[in-house]
C-alpha atoms as a PDB file:
ATOM      1  CA  UNK A   1      76.764 189.934  16.453  1.00  0.00           C
ATOM      2  CA  UNK A   2      75.345 187.399  14.012  1.00  0.00           C
ATOM      3  CA  UNK A   3      78.215 185.838  12.066  1.00  0.00           C
ATOM      4  CA  UNK A   4      75.916 184.763   9.203  1.00  0.00           C
ATOM      5  CA  UNK A   5      74.435 187.050   6.511  1.00  0.00           C
ATOM      6  CA  UNK A   6      70.835 187.238   5.683  1.00  0.00           C
ATOM      7  CA  UNK A   7      69.830 184.965   2.953  1.00  0.00           C
ATOM      8  CA  UNK A   8      67.049 185.209   0.310  1.00  0.00           C
ATOM      9  CA  UNK A   9      66.309 182.461  -2.038  1.00  0.00           C
ATOM     10  CA  UNK A  10      63.793 183.490  -4.727  1.00  0.00           C
ATOM     11  CA  UNK A  11      61.080 181.318  -6.034  1.00  0.00           C
ATOM     12  CA  UNK A  12      62.483 179.128  -8.815  1.00  0.00           C
ATOM     13  CA  UNK A  13      66.066 179.278  -7.640  1.00  0.00           C
ATOM     14  CA  UNK A  14      66.009 176.658  -5.019  1.00  0.00           C
ATOM     15  CA  UNK A  15      68.481 173.715  -5.290  1.00  0.00           C
ATOM     16  CA  UNK A  16      66.450 170.612  -6.233  1.00  0.00           C
ATOM     17  CA  UNK A  17      67.474 167.241  -4.691  1.00  0.00           C
ATOM     18  CA  UNK A  18      65.832 164.051  -5.737  1.00  0.00           C
ATOM     19  CA  UNK A  19      65.798 160.849  -3.620  1.00  0.00           C
ATOM     20  CA  UNK A  20      63.265 158.235  -2.466  1.00  0.00           C
ATOM     21  CA  UNK A  21      60.945 159.406  -5.326  1.00  0.00           C
ATOM     22  CA  UNK A  22      60.596 162.815  -3.737  1.00  0.00           C
ATOM     23  CA  UNK A  23      61.883 166.163  -4.739  1.00  0.00           C
ATOM     24  CA  UNK A  24      63.346 168.656  -2.089  1.00  0.00           C
ATOM     25  CA  UNK A  25      63.406 172.194  -3.220  1.00  0.00           C
ATOM     26  CA  UNK A  26      66.021 173.475  -0.697  1.00  0.00           C
ATOM     27  CA  UNK A  27      64.982 177.059   0.493  1.00  0.00           C
ATOM     28  CA  UNK A  28      67.324 177.396   3.477  1.00  0.00           C
ATOM     29  CA  UNK A  29      70.182 174.986   3.906  1.00  0.00           C
ATOM     30  CA  UNK A  30      71.916 174.299   7.221  1.00  0.00           C
ATOM     31  CA  UNK A  31      74.872 176.326   5.842  1.00  0.00           C
ATOM     32  CA  UNK A  32      72.510 179.246   5.135  1.00  0.00           C
ATOM     33  CA  UNK A  33      71.147 179.329   8.777  1.00  0.00           C
ATOM     34  CA  UNK A  34      74.426 178.625  10.647  1.00  0.00           C
ATOM     35  CA  UNK A  35      73.179 175.183  11.415  1.00  0.00           C
ATOM     36  CA  UNK A  36      70.051 176.339  13.179  1.00  0.00           C
ATOM     37  CA  UNK A  37      67.463 174.687  10.810  1.00  0.00           C
ATOM     38  CA  UNK A  38      66.825 173.462   7.290  1.00  0.00           C
ATOM     39  CA  UNK A  39      63.645 174.514   5.264  1.00  0.00           C
ATOM     40  CA  UNK A  40      62.438 173.044   2.061  1.00  0.00           C
ATOM     41  CA  UNK A  41      59.388 172.503  -0.153  1.00  0.00           C
ATOM     42  CA  UNK A  42      58.810 168.859  -0.582  1.00  0.00           C
ATOM     43  CA  UNK A  43      57.070 167.272  -3.447  1.00  0.00           C
ATOM     44  CA  UNK A  44      55.844 163.613  -2.944  1.00  0.00           C
ATOM     45  CA  UNK A  45      54.248 161.609  -5.703  1.00  0.00           C
ATOM     46  CA  UNK A  46      50.862 160.014  -5.389  1.00  0.00           C
ATOM     47  CA  UNK A  47      50.981 157.220  -2.945  1.00  0.00           C
ATOM     48  CA  UNK A  48      54.533 158.166  -1.889  1.00  0.00           C
ATOM     49  CA  UNK A  49      56.058 158.846   1.440  1.00  0.00           C
ATOM     50  CA  UNK A  50      58.893 157.470   3.609  1.00  0.00           C
ATOM     51  CA  UNK A  51      58.679 154.387   5.845  1.00  0.00           C
ATOM     52  CA  UNK A  52      58.045 154.951   9.604  1.00  0.00           C
ATOM     53  CA  UNK A  53      61.135 156.425  11.132  1.00  0.00           C
ATOM     54  CA  UNK A  54      62.410 158.608  13.863  1.00  0.00           C
ATOM     55  CA  UNK A  55      65.129 161.239  14.154  1.00  0.00           C
ATOM     56  CA  UNK A  56      67.671 161.270  16.956  1.00  0.00           C
ATOM     57  CA  UNK A  57      68.721 164.767  16.180  1.00  0.00           C
ATOM     58  CA  UNK A  58      65.959 166.872  14.558  1.00  0.00           C
ATOM     59  CA  UNK A  59      62.510 168.088  15.429  1.00  0.00           C
ATOM     60  CA  UNK A  60      60.492 168.251  12.199  1.00  0.00           C
ATOM     61  CA  UNK A  61      57.374 170.198  11.260  1.00  0.00           C
ATOM     62  CA  UNK A  62      55.211 170.170   8.158  1.00  0.00           C
ATOM     63  CA  UNK A  63      52.866 172.584   6.486  1.00  0.00           C
ATOM     64  CA  UNK A  64      50.975 170.852   3.587  1.00  0.00           C
ATOM     65  CA  UNK A  65      50.518 173.430   0.790  1.00  0.00           C
ATOM     66  CA  UNK A  66      48.292 171.155  -1.201  1.00  0.00           C
ATOM     67  CA  UNK A  67      46.351 168.432   0.392  1.00  0.00           C
ATOM     68  CA  UNK A  68      45.176 166.611   2.080  1.00  0.00           C
ATOM     69  CA  UNK A  69      48.150 164.679   3.599  1.00  0.00           C
ATOM     70  CA  UNK A  70      48.231 161.679   5.828  1.00  0.00           C
ATOM     71  CA  UNK A  71      50.503 161.392   8.862  1.00  0.00           C
ATOM     72  CA  UNK A  72      51.301 158.498  11.111  1.00  0.00           C
ATOM     73  CA  UNK A  73      51.144 160.128  14.584  1.00  0.00           C
ATOM     74  CA  UNK A  74      51.313 158.011  17.760  1.00  0.00           C
ATOM     75  CA  UNK A  75      50.846 154.832  15.793  1.00  0.00           C
ATOM     76  CA  UNK A  76      47.612 155.986  14.084  1.00  0.00           C
ATOM     77  CA  UNK A  77      47.133 157.337  10.534  1.00  0.00           C
ATOM     78  CA  UNK A  78      45.440 160.822  10.432  1.00  0.00           C
ATOM     79  CA  UNK A  79      44.322 162.742   7.419  1.00  0.00           C
ATOM     80  CA  UNK A  80      44.761 166.487   7.576  1.00  0.00           C
ATOM     81  CA  UNK A  81      43.660 169.208   5.069  1.00  0.00           C
ATOM     82  CA  UNK A  82      46.156 171.583   3.449  1.00  0.00           C
ATOM     83  CA  UNK A  83      47.493 174.281   5.642  1.00  0.00           C
ATOM     84  CA  UNK A  84      47.545 172.267   8.803  1.00  0.00           C
ATOM     85  CA  UNK A  85      50.537 172.495  11.020  1.00  0.00           C
ATOM     86  CA  UNK A  86      51.987 169.111  12.093  1.00  0.00           C
ATOM     87  CA  UNK A  87      54.997 168.795  14.514  1.00  0.00           C
ATOM     88  CA  UNK A  88      57.047 165.576  15.142  1.00  0.00           C
ATOM     89  CA  UNK A  89      59.589 165.905  17.997  1.00  0.00           C
ATOM     90  CA  UNK A  90      62.842 164.183  17.757  1.00  0.00           C
ATOM     91  CA  UNK A  91      62.417 160.546  18.867  1.00  0.00           C
ATOM     92  CA  UNK A  92      58.783 160.173  17.734  1.00  0.00           C
ATOM     93  CA  UNK A  93      58.087 157.463  15.261  1.00  0.00           C
ATOM     94  CA  UNK A  94      56.405 159.124  12.302  1.00  0.00           C
ATOM     95  CA  UNK A  95      55.936 159.268   8.653  1.00  0.00           C
ATOM     96  CA  UNK A  96      53.619 160.851   6.030  1.00  0.00           C
ATOM     97  CA  UNK A  97      52.049 159.753   2.738  1.00  0.00           C
ATOM     98  CA  UNK A  98      50.320 161.410  -0.242  1.00  0.00           C
ATOM     99  CA  UNK A  99      46.840 159.973  -0.634  1.00  0.00           C
ATOM    100  CA  UNK A 100      46.175 162.279  -3.638  1.00  0.00           C
ATOM    101  CA  UNK A 101      46.171 161.642  -7.437  1.00  0.00           C
ATOM    102  CA  UNK A 102      48.558 164.736  -7.827  1.00  0.00           C
ATOM    103  CA  UNK A 103      51.884 165.389  -6.195  1.00  0.00           C
ATOM    104  CA  UNK A 104      51.752 166.548  -2.533  1.00  0.00           C
ATOM    105  CA  UNK A 105      53.560 169.776  -1.900  1.00  0.00           C
ATOM    106  CA  UNK A 106      54.639 170.534   1.663  1.00  0.00           C
ATOM    107  CA  UNK A 107      56.830 173.097   3.419  1.00  0.00           C
ATOM    108  CA  UNK A 108      59.006 171.126   5.798  1.00  0.00           C
ATOM    109  CA  UNK A 109      61.544 172.283   8.307  1.00  0.00           C
ATOM    110  CA  UNK A 110      63.932 170.516  10.743  1.00  0.00           C
ATOM    111  CA  UNK A 111      65.845 171.879  13.774  1.00  0.00           C
ATOM    112  CA  UNK A 112      68.746 171.757  13.991  1.00  0.00           C
ATOM    113  CA  UNK A 113      69.840 172.064  10.283  1.00  0.00           C
ATOM    114  CA  UNK A 114      71.500 169.222   8.440  1.00  0.00           C
ATOM    115  CA  UNK A 115      68.565 167.209   6.910  1.00  0.00           C
ATOM    116  CA  UNK A 116      69.679 168.706   3.581  1.00  0.00           C
ATOM    117  CA  UNK A 117      73.011 166.951   3.971  1.00  0.00           C
ATOM    118  CA  UNK A 118      71.400 163.573   4.716  1.00  0.00           C
ATOM    119  CA  UNK A 119      69.029 163.900   1.713  1.00  0.00           C
ATOM    120  CA  UNK A 120      72.009 165.016  -0.580  1.00  0.00           C
ATOM    121  CA  UNK A 121      73.967 161.869   0.393  1.00  0.00           C
ATOM    122  CA  UNK A 122      70.914 159.656  -0.338  1.00  0.00           C
ATOM    123  CA  UNK A 123      70.336 161.445  -3.758  1.00  0.00           C
ATOM    124  CA  UNK A 124      73.924 160.393  -4.814  1.00  0.00           C
ATOM    125  CA  UNK A 125      72.984 156.784  -4.254  1.00  0.00           C
ATOM    126  CA  UNK A 126      69.737 157.289  -6.320  1.00  0.00           C
ATOM    127  CA  UNK A 127      71.770 159.028  -9.053  1.00  0.00           C
ATOM    128  CA  UNK A 128      74.026 155.992  -9.635  1.00  0.00           C
ATOM    129  CA  UNK A 129      71.108 154.375 -11.621  1.00  0.00           C
ATOM    130  CA  UNK A 130      69.519 150.949 -11.215  1.00  0.00           C
ATOM    131  CA  UNK A 131      68.029 149.822  -7.974  1.00  0.00           C
ATOM    132  CA  UNK A 132      69.151 151.773  -4.961  1.00  0.00           C
ATOM    133  CA  UNK A 133      71.596 150.045  -2.559  1.00  0.00           C
ATOM    134  CA  UNK A 134      69.213 149.738   0.426  1.00  0.00           C
ATOM    135  CA  UNK A 135      71.907 148.767   2.961  1.00  0.00           C
ATOM    136  CA  UNK A 136      73.879 151.718   1.961  1.00  0.00           C
ATOM    137  CA  UNK A 137      70.853 154.036   2.377  1.00  0.00           C
ATOM    138  CA  UNK A 138      70.193 152.665   5.810  1.00  0.00           C
ATOM    139  CA  UNK A 139      73.806 153.337   6.736  1.00  0.00           C
ATOM    140  CA  UNK A 140      73.628 156.930   5.468  1.00  0.00           C
ATOM    141  CA  UNK A 141      70.465 157.371   7.508  1.00  0.00           C
ATOM    142  CA  UNK A 142      72.090 156.019  10.681  1.00  0.00           C
ATOM    143  CA  UNK A 143      75.024 158.201  10.134  1.00  0.00           C
ATOM    144  CA  UNK A 144      72.577 161.181  10.372  1.00  0.00           C
ATOM    145  CA  UNK A 145      70.618 159.809  13.298  1.00  0.00           C
ATOM    146  CA  UNK A 146      67.527 158.674  11.255  1.00  0.00           C
ATOM    147  CA  UNK A 147      66.329 155.098  11.964  1.00  0.00           C
ATOM    148  CA  UNK A 148      63.600 153.103  10.197  1.00  0.00           C
ATOM    149  CA  UNK A 149      61.031 151.180  12.133  1.00  0.00           C
ATOM    150  CA  UNK A 150      60.002 148.225   9.884  1.00  0.00           C
ATOM    151  CA  UNK A 151      57.659 145.420  11.053  1.00  0.00           C
END
């Protein structure tokens, strides 16, 4: 028997978490899904996107709702139109960026759940005001098995 109750989060009632210039509208948290996955709508400003990175723990998939979006896949940038499914298995070096003049909206999921905990901890650092403490953000990322690949 499933020990977790069904969850429904209506539009407009998602918890909003802000970090790295992005907004995460949390639709299903790790807690909601018994740790199985996390699902959110992500809003990335024009020109925005994370640095290349990889996850030790999560597979990640994307569904751009507005577009196009650009993804770093196998060391090559590729532009995809809205409503294109993109999958990044754990361990793969990847990132995305918004080439548009408007915010990029994407549905993103990670499996297993927990990415919401990582993003929330980073948001606390950004909420302190001033310039973010980058060594602290790198430590938070490593604690959650996320590592940046910087040249």
